[in-house]
N, C-alpha and C. Protein backbone atom coordinates (compact mmCIF):
# COMPACT_ATOMS: atom_id res chain seq x y z
N MET A 1 93.29 94.22 67.37
CA MET A 1 92.81 93.98 68.71
C MET A 1 93.87 94.47 69.70
N VAL A 2 93.41 95.12 70.75
CA VAL A 2 94.30 95.55 71.81
C VAL A 2 93.71 95.16 73.16
N HIS A 3 94.60 94.96 74.12
CA HIS A 3 94.21 94.64 75.49
C HIS A 3 94.91 95.61 76.43
N VAL A 4 94.24 95.93 77.53
CA VAL A 4 94.85 96.74 78.57
C VAL A 4 94.19 96.40 79.90
N ARG A 5 94.98 96.45 80.95
CA ARG A 5 94.46 96.26 82.31
C ARG A 5 94.28 97.65 82.91
N LEU A 6 93.06 97.95 83.32
CA LEU A 6 92.74 99.27 83.87
C LEU A 6 92.59 99.20 85.38
N PRO A 7 93.11 100.20 86.10
CA PRO A 7 93.07 100.18 87.57
C PRO A 7 91.74 100.67 88.13
N VAL A 8 90.64 100.16 87.58
CA VAL A 8 89.30 100.48 88.07
C VAL A 8 88.48 99.19 88.02
N PRO A 9 87.42 99.11 88.82
CA PRO A 9 86.55 97.93 88.74
C PRO A 9 85.91 97.79 87.36
N ALA A 10 85.54 96.57 87.03
CA ALA A 10 84.97 96.29 85.71
C ALA A 10 83.72 97.13 85.43
N GLU A 11 82.89 97.35 86.43
CA GLU A 11 81.67 98.13 86.22
C GLU A 11 82.00 99.56 85.80
N GLU A 12 83.04 100.13 86.39
CA GLU A 12 83.44 101.49 86.04
C GLU A 12 84.05 101.54 84.63
N ALA A 13 84.89 100.57 84.32
CA ALA A 13 85.47 100.50 82.97
C ALA A 13 84.36 100.33 81.93
N TRP A 14 83.39 99.48 82.24
CA TRP A 14 82.27 99.25 81.33
C TRP A 14 81.50 100.54 81.07
N ALA A 15 81.17 101.25 82.12
CA ALA A 15 80.42 102.50 81.98
C ALA A 15 81.21 103.51 81.14
N LEU A 16 82.51 103.55 81.33
CA LEU A 16 83.35 104.49 80.60
C LEU A 16 83.40 104.17 79.11
N VAL A 17 83.65 102.91 78.76
CA VAL A 17 83.83 102.58 77.33
C VAL A 17 82.53 102.39 76.57
N THR A 18 81.44 102.09 77.25
CA THR A 18 80.17 101.93 76.53
C THR A 18 79.38 103.23 76.42
N ASP A 19 79.83 104.29 77.09
CA ASP A 19 79.27 105.62 76.82
C ASP A 19 80.10 106.14 75.65
N VAL A 20 79.61 105.89 74.44
CA VAL A 20 80.41 106.15 73.24
C VAL A 20 80.75 107.63 73.07
N ARG A 21 80.07 108.51 73.76
CA ARG A 21 80.43 109.93 73.71
C ARG A 21 81.85 110.15 74.22
N ASN A 22 82.31 109.28 75.15
CA ASN A 22 83.67 109.38 75.68
C ASN A 22 84.72 109.10 74.61
N HIS A 23 84.38 108.34 73.59
CA HIS A 23 85.35 107.96 72.56
C HIS A 23 85.93 109.19 71.86
N ALA A 24 85.20 110.29 71.83
CA ALA A 24 85.70 111.51 71.19
C ALA A 24 86.95 112.03 71.88
N ARG A 25 87.13 111.72 73.17
CA ARG A 25 88.34 112.15 73.88
C ARG A 25 89.55 111.30 73.50
N TRP A 26 89.31 110.09 73.04
CA TRP A 26 90.41 109.16 72.80
C TRP A 26 90.73 108.95 71.33
N VAL A 27 89.72 109.05 70.45
CA VAL A 27 89.92 108.80 69.02
C VAL A 27 90.34 110.11 68.36
N PRO A 28 91.52 110.13 67.73
CA PRO A 28 92.01 111.38 67.14
C PRO A 28 91.04 111.97 66.12
N LEU A 29 90.90 113.30 66.16
CA LEU A 29 90.15 114.07 65.16
C LEU A 29 88.69 113.64 65.02
N THR A 30 88.10 113.18 66.11
CA THR A 30 86.75 112.59 66.03
C THR A 30 85.79 113.21 67.03
N ARG A 31 84.55 113.39 66.56
CA ARG A 31 83.44 113.74 67.46
C ARG A 31 82.43 112.61 67.38
N VAL A 32 81.65 112.45 68.42
CA VAL A 32 80.64 111.39 68.46
C VAL A 32 79.30 112.03 68.78
N ASP A 33 78.34 111.78 67.91
CA ASP A 33 76.99 112.26 68.11
C ASP A 33 76.14 111.08 68.55
N ALA A 34 75.82 111.04 69.86
CA ALA A 34 75.10 109.90 70.42
C ALA A 34 74.27 110.33 71.62
N ALA A 35 73.25 109.58 71.89
CA ALA A 35 72.44 109.79 73.08
C ALA A 35 73.25 109.37 74.31
N PRO A 36 72.91 109.89 75.49
CA PRO A 36 73.66 109.55 76.70
C PRO A 36 73.64 108.07 77.07
N ALA A 37 72.52 107.41 76.93
CA ALA A 37 72.41 106.00 77.34
C ALA A 37 71.89 105.19 76.16
N LEU A 38 72.79 104.57 75.44
CA LEU A 38 72.39 103.78 74.27
C LEU A 38 71.87 102.41 74.68
N ARG A 39 70.95 101.89 73.87
CA ARG A 39 70.41 100.55 74.05
C ARG A 39 70.59 99.78 72.75
N VAL A 40 70.43 98.49 72.82
CA VAL A 40 70.50 97.66 71.62
C VAL A 40 69.50 98.19 70.60
N GLY A 41 69.96 98.36 69.37
CA GLY A 41 69.13 98.89 68.30
C GLY A 41 69.31 100.38 68.05
N ASP A 42 69.87 101.10 69.03
CA ASP A 42 70.09 102.55 68.86
C ASP A 42 71.21 102.78 67.85
N ARG A 43 71.12 103.95 67.20
CA ARG A 43 72.11 104.35 66.20
C ARG A 43 72.85 105.59 66.69
N PHE A 44 74.11 105.71 66.25
CA PHE A 44 74.90 106.90 66.54
C PHE A 44 75.93 107.06 65.44
N THR A 45 76.58 108.23 65.41
CA THR A 45 77.55 108.53 64.36
C THR A 45 78.81 109.12 64.97
N ALA A 46 79.95 108.62 64.51
CA ALA A 46 81.25 109.23 64.80
C ALA A 46 81.70 109.89 63.51
N VAL A 47 82.21 111.11 63.60
CA VAL A 47 82.68 111.83 62.43
C VAL A 47 84.15 112.14 62.65
N THR A 48 84.99 111.76 61.68
CA THR A 48 86.43 111.96 61.80
C THR A 48 86.92 112.85 60.67
N GLY A 49 87.68 113.86 61.02
CA GLY A 49 88.27 114.78 60.05
C GLY A 49 88.98 115.89 60.77
N PRO A 50 89.79 116.67 60.06
CA PRO A 50 90.59 117.72 60.70
C PRO A 50 89.78 118.70 61.54
N GLY A 51 88.58 119.06 61.11
CA GLY A 51 87.76 120.01 61.88
C GLY A 51 86.56 119.38 62.54
N ALA A 52 86.51 118.07 62.59
CA ALA A 52 85.32 117.38 63.10
C ALA A 52 85.00 117.73 64.54
N ARG A 53 86.01 117.85 65.38
CA ARG A 53 85.75 118.15 66.80
C ARG A 53 85.14 119.53 66.99
N ARG A 54 85.34 120.41 66.01
CA ARG A 54 84.75 121.76 66.08
C ARG A 54 83.47 121.85 65.27
N GLY A 55 82.90 120.68 64.89
CA GLY A 55 81.65 120.66 64.15
C GLY A 55 81.81 120.63 62.65
N GLY A 56 83.05 120.57 62.17
CA GLY A 56 83.30 120.56 60.75
C GLY A 56 82.98 119.21 60.12
N PRO A 57 83.04 119.16 58.79
CA PRO A 57 82.75 117.91 58.09
C PRO A 57 83.87 116.89 58.27
N GLY A 58 83.55 115.68 57.93
CA GLY A 58 84.53 114.61 58.00
C GLY A 58 83.90 113.33 57.50
N LEU A 59 84.58 112.24 57.73
CA LEU A 59 84.11 110.92 57.33
C LEU A 59 83.12 110.41 58.38
N PRO A 60 81.84 110.24 58.01
CA PRO A 60 80.87 109.72 58.97
C PRO A 60 81.00 108.20 59.11
N ASP A 61 80.96 107.75 60.34
CA ASP A 61 81.01 106.32 60.67
C ASP A 61 79.73 106.02 61.45
N ARG A 62 78.69 105.59 60.72
CA ARG A 62 77.39 105.33 61.36
C ARG A 62 77.37 103.92 61.92
N MET A 63 76.85 103.81 63.14
CA MET A 63 76.85 102.51 63.82
C MET A 63 75.51 102.24 64.49
N VAL A 64 75.26 100.94 64.69
CA VAL A 64 74.07 100.46 65.39
C VAL A 64 74.56 99.58 66.54
N VAL A 65 73.97 99.79 67.72
CA VAL A 65 74.32 98.96 68.87
C VAL A 65 73.68 97.58 68.67
N GLU A 66 74.51 96.54 68.61
CA GLU A 66 74.01 95.17 68.44
C GLU A 66 73.98 94.38 69.73
N ARG A 67 74.87 94.70 70.65
CA ARG A 67 74.96 93.92 71.89
C ARG A 67 75.47 94.80 73.01
N LEU A 68 74.85 94.68 74.17
CA LEU A 68 75.29 95.37 75.39
C LEU A 68 75.03 94.43 76.57
N VAL A 69 76.02 93.68 76.94
CA VAL A 69 75.90 92.75 78.06
C VAL A 69 76.97 93.14 79.08
N PRO A 70 76.58 93.81 80.17
CA PRO A 70 77.57 94.29 81.13
C PRO A 70 78.25 93.14 81.87
N PRO A 71 79.45 93.41 82.38
CA PRO A 71 80.15 92.36 83.14
C PRO A 71 79.49 92.12 84.49
N THR A 72 79.63 90.90 84.97
CA THR A 72 79.21 90.55 86.33
C THR A 72 80.43 89.92 87.01
N ALA A 73 80.27 89.56 88.26
CA ALA A 73 81.40 89.00 89.01
C ALA A 73 81.98 87.76 88.33
N GLY A 74 81.15 86.97 87.69
CA GLY A 74 81.65 85.74 87.10
C GLY A 74 81.69 85.71 85.58
N ARG A 75 81.38 86.85 84.94
CA ARG A 75 81.28 86.84 83.48
C ARG A 75 81.74 88.16 82.88
N PRO A 76 82.52 88.11 81.81
CA PRO A 76 82.91 89.36 81.16
C PRO A 76 81.73 90.01 80.45
N GLY A 77 81.84 91.30 80.24
CA GLY A 77 80.83 92.03 79.47
C GLY A 77 81.30 92.21 78.04
N ARG A 78 80.34 92.41 77.14
CA ARG A 78 80.69 92.59 75.73
C ARG A 78 79.70 93.55 75.10
N ALA A 79 80.25 94.55 74.39
CA ALA A 79 79.44 95.48 73.60
C ALA A 79 79.88 95.34 72.15
N ARG A 80 78.90 95.34 71.25
CA ARG A 80 79.20 95.20 69.82
C ARG A 80 78.43 96.26 69.06
N TYR A 81 79.16 96.95 68.18
CA TYR A 81 78.59 98.02 67.36
C TYR A 81 78.82 97.66 65.90
N ARG A 82 77.75 97.62 65.11
CA ARG A 82 77.86 97.30 63.68
C ARG A 82 77.96 98.60 62.89
N LYS A 83 78.97 98.69 62.05
CA LYS A 83 79.19 99.86 61.19
C LYS A 83 78.34 99.72 59.94
N VAL A 84 77.53 100.75 59.65
CA VAL A 84 76.55 100.64 58.57
C VAL A 84 76.77 101.67 57.46
N GLY A 85 77.98 102.21 57.37
CA GLY A 85 78.29 103.09 56.25
C GLY A 85 78.24 104.55 56.61
N PRO A 86 78.32 105.38 55.61
CA PRO A 86 78.21 105.08 54.20
C PRO A 86 79.50 104.50 53.59
N VAL A 87 80.64 104.69 54.24
CA VAL A 87 81.92 104.22 53.68
C VAL A 87 82.44 103.01 54.44
N LEU A 88 82.39 103.07 55.77
CA LEU A 88 82.94 102.01 56.61
C LEU A 88 81.87 100.99 56.99
N LEU A 89 82.22 99.73 56.84
CA LEU A 89 81.36 98.62 57.25
C LEU A 89 82.17 97.72 58.18
N GLY A 90 81.48 96.87 58.93
CA GLY A 90 82.16 95.95 59.83
C GLY A 90 81.64 96.08 61.24
N THR A 91 82.53 95.83 62.20
CA THR A 91 82.13 95.87 63.60
C THR A 91 83.23 96.47 64.47
N ALA A 92 82.80 96.98 65.60
CA ALA A 92 83.69 97.38 66.68
C ALA A 92 83.15 96.70 67.93
N GLU A 93 84.04 96.13 68.73
CA GLU A 93 83.64 95.45 69.96
C GLU A 93 84.54 95.85 71.10
N VAL A 94 83.94 95.95 72.28
CA VAL A 94 84.72 96.11 73.49
C VAL A 94 84.28 95.02 74.46
N GLY A 95 85.25 94.44 75.11
CA GLY A 95 84.98 93.44 76.14
C GLY A 95 85.62 93.91 77.44
N VAL A 96 84.92 93.72 78.54
CA VAL A 96 85.44 94.10 79.85
C VAL A 96 85.30 92.89 80.76
N ARG A 97 86.45 92.44 81.30
CA ARG A 97 86.46 91.28 82.18
C ARG A 97 86.92 91.71 83.57
N PRO A 98 86.15 91.35 84.60
CA PRO A 98 86.57 91.66 85.96
C PRO A 98 87.85 90.90 86.31
N ASP A 99 88.76 91.59 87.00
CA ASP A 99 90.00 90.99 87.48
C ASP A 99 90.29 91.59 88.85
N GLY A 100 89.58 91.09 89.83
CA GLY A 100 89.70 91.65 91.18
C GLY A 100 89.20 93.08 91.19
N GLU A 101 90.04 93.99 91.67
CA GLU A 101 89.68 95.41 91.71
C GLU A 101 89.97 96.11 90.39
N HIS A 102 90.43 95.37 89.40
CA HIS A 102 90.78 95.93 88.10
C HIS A 102 89.87 95.37 87.02
N ALA A 103 90.07 95.90 85.81
CA ALA A 103 89.31 95.43 84.65
C ALA A 103 90.27 95.15 83.52
N GLU A 104 90.04 94.07 82.82
CA GLU A 104 90.78 93.76 81.59
C GLU A 104 89.89 94.20 80.43
N LEU A 105 90.42 95.10 79.60
CA LEU A 105 89.68 95.63 78.46
C LEU A 105 90.26 95.06 77.18
N GLU A 106 89.37 94.60 76.31
CA GLU A 106 89.73 94.15 74.97
C GLU A 106 88.94 95.00 73.99
N TRP A 107 89.61 95.54 72.97
CA TRP A 107 88.95 96.38 71.97
C TRP A 107 89.32 95.83 70.60
N ILE A 108 88.30 95.53 69.80
CA ILE A 108 88.49 94.91 68.48
C ILE A 108 87.77 95.74 67.43
N GLU A 109 88.45 96.02 66.34
CA GLU A 109 87.83 96.69 65.19
C GLU A 109 88.02 95.79 63.97
N ASP A 110 86.93 95.44 63.31
CA ASP A 110 86.96 94.66 62.08
C ASP A 110 86.24 95.49 61.03
N VAL A 111 87.02 96.23 60.24
CA VAL A 111 86.44 97.25 59.36
C VAL A 111 86.89 97.02 57.92
N HIS A 112 85.97 97.27 57.00
CA HIS A 112 86.29 97.23 55.58
C HIS A 112 85.52 98.35 54.88
N LEU A 113 85.86 98.59 53.62
CA LEU A 113 85.24 99.67 52.87
C LEU A 113 84.09 99.16 52.01
N ARG A 114 83.02 99.90 52.01
CA ARG A 114 81.86 99.57 51.18
C ARG A 114 82.25 99.62 49.70
N GLY A 115 81.75 98.65 48.94
CA GLY A 115 81.93 98.66 47.50
C GLY A 115 83.21 98.04 47.00
N LEU A 116 84.09 97.63 47.92
CA LEU A 116 85.34 97.00 47.54
C LEU A 116 85.42 95.63 48.20
N PRO A 117 86.26 94.73 47.71
CA PRO A 117 86.35 93.39 48.32
C PRO A 117 86.71 93.47 49.81
N ARG A 118 85.90 92.84 50.63
CA ARG A 118 86.07 92.91 52.08
C ARG A 118 87.46 92.47 52.52
N GLY A 119 87.90 91.33 52.04
CA GLY A 119 89.20 90.81 52.47
C GLY A 119 90.34 91.76 52.16
N ALA A 120 90.31 92.35 50.97
CA ALA A 120 91.39 93.25 50.57
C ALA A 120 91.38 94.54 51.38
N THR A 121 90.21 95.14 51.56
CA THR A 121 90.18 96.41 52.28
C THR A 121 90.41 96.20 53.77
N ALA A 122 89.92 95.10 54.33
CA ALA A 122 90.17 94.82 55.74
C ALA A 122 91.67 94.64 55.97
N TRP A 123 92.32 93.93 55.06
CA TRP A 123 93.76 93.69 55.17
C TRP A 123 94.54 95.00 55.07
N CYS A 124 94.16 95.85 54.13
CA CYS A 124 94.84 97.13 53.95
C CYS A 124 94.62 98.07 55.13
N MET A 125 93.44 98.01 55.73
CA MET A 125 93.12 98.91 56.83
C MET A 125 93.66 98.43 58.17
N ARG A 126 94.01 97.16 58.28
CA ARG A 126 94.43 96.59 59.57
C ARG A 126 95.56 97.38 60.23
N PRO A 127 96.64 97.77 59.51
CA PRO A 127 97.70 98.53 60.19
C PRO A 127 97.22 99.87 60.73
N LEU A 128 96.41 100.58 59.95
CA LEU A 128 95.88 101.86 60.41
C LEU A 128 94.97 101.68 61.62
N LEU A 129 94.11 100.68 61.57
CA LEU A 129 93.22 100.41 62.71
C LEU A 129 94.01 100.01 63.95
N GLY A 130 95.06 99.22 63.76
CA GLY A 130 95.90 98.82 64.89
C GLY A 130 96.55 100.02 65.55
N LEU A 131 97.08 100.93 64.73
CA LEU A 131 97.69 102.15 65.26
C LEU A 131 96.64 102.98 65.99
N MET A 132 95.48 103.17 65.37
CA MET A 132 94.42 103.95 65.99
C MET A 132 94.00 103.34 67.33
N LEU A 133 93.85 102.03 67.37
CA LEU A 133 93.44 101.39 68.63
C LEU A 133 94.50 101.54 69.71
N ARG A 134 95.77 101.46 69.35
CA ARG A 134 96.83 101.65 70.36
C ARG A 134 96.79 103.07 70.91
N VAL A 135 96.56 104.06 70.05
CA VAL A 135 96.44 105.45 70.51
C VAL A 135 95.23 105.59 71.43
N VAL A 136 94.11 105.05 71.00
CA VAL A 136 92.88 105.14 71.79
C VAL A 136 93.07 104.53 73.18
N VAL A 137 93.63 103.34 73.22
CA VAL A 137 93.78 102.65 74.51
C VAL A 137 94.81 103.36 75.39
N ARG A 138 95.87 103.90 74.81
CA ARG A 138 96.84 104.67 75.61
C ARG A 138 96.18 105.89 76.23
N ARG A 139 95.35 106.59 75.44
CA ARG A 139 94.66 107.77 75.96
C ARG A 139 93.66 107.39 77.05
N LEU A 140 92.91 106.33 76.81
CA LEU A 140 91.95 105.84 77.80
C LEU A 140 92.66 105.46 79.09
N GLU A 141 93.74 104.69 78.97
CA GLU A 141 94.48 104.25 80.15
C GLU A 141 95.04 105.45 80.92
N ALA A 142 95.60 106.43 80.22
CA ALA A 142 96.14 107.62 80.88
C ALA A 142 95.04 108.37 81.62
N GLU A 143 93.87 108.50 80.99
CA GLU A 143 92.75 109.19 81.64
C GLU A 143 92.31 108.46 82.90
N VAL A 144 92.21 107.14 82.82
CA VAL A 144 91.79 106.35 83.99
C VAL A 144 92.82 106.45 85.10
N ARG A 145 94.09 106.34 84.76
CA ARG A 145 95.14 106.42 85.79
C ARG A 145 95.18 107.80 86.43
N LEU A 146 94.98 108.84 85.64
CA LEU A 146 94.97 110.20 86.19
C LEU A 146 93.80 110.40 87.15
N SER A 147 92.62 109.90 86.78
CA SER A 147 91.45 110.08 87.65
C SER A 147 91.54 109.19 88.88
N ALA A 148 92.27 108.08 88.80
CA ALA A 148 92.42 107.20 89.96
C ALA A 148 93.46 107.74 90.95
N ALA A 149 94.33 108.61 90.48
CA ALA A 149 95.41 109.13 91.34
C ALA A 149 94.94 110.19 92.30
């Protein structure tokens, strides 16, 4: 799990992180094949690999949108994506909480490998996921700060 305070209103942060096509700019070696405006129940795929951004093969991470509740003045927003394989299972969540003119972003990945004990693979993957999330959030924050300047 990672947290970051973004210098944009919560509605703008929400629109940025819930348009999953944007994730391809932040997640290393990844492309995202998704419709422009996802709704609960919609499916999309992120593909990660050395040539994935150029259309090459890689590890497919298929997901289903389970929750999309945007933030309001008095309530944080939460998006939840369920990973449905073929290799990765679990969830990815983003939360956006209004904080005046800024937004507090929380990003959580709970991932394990299909066919192996969940507890063991989740534990083994945690350091890699933590590193990946820190990279993603640093890139996202840099992009937001650059566009706000």
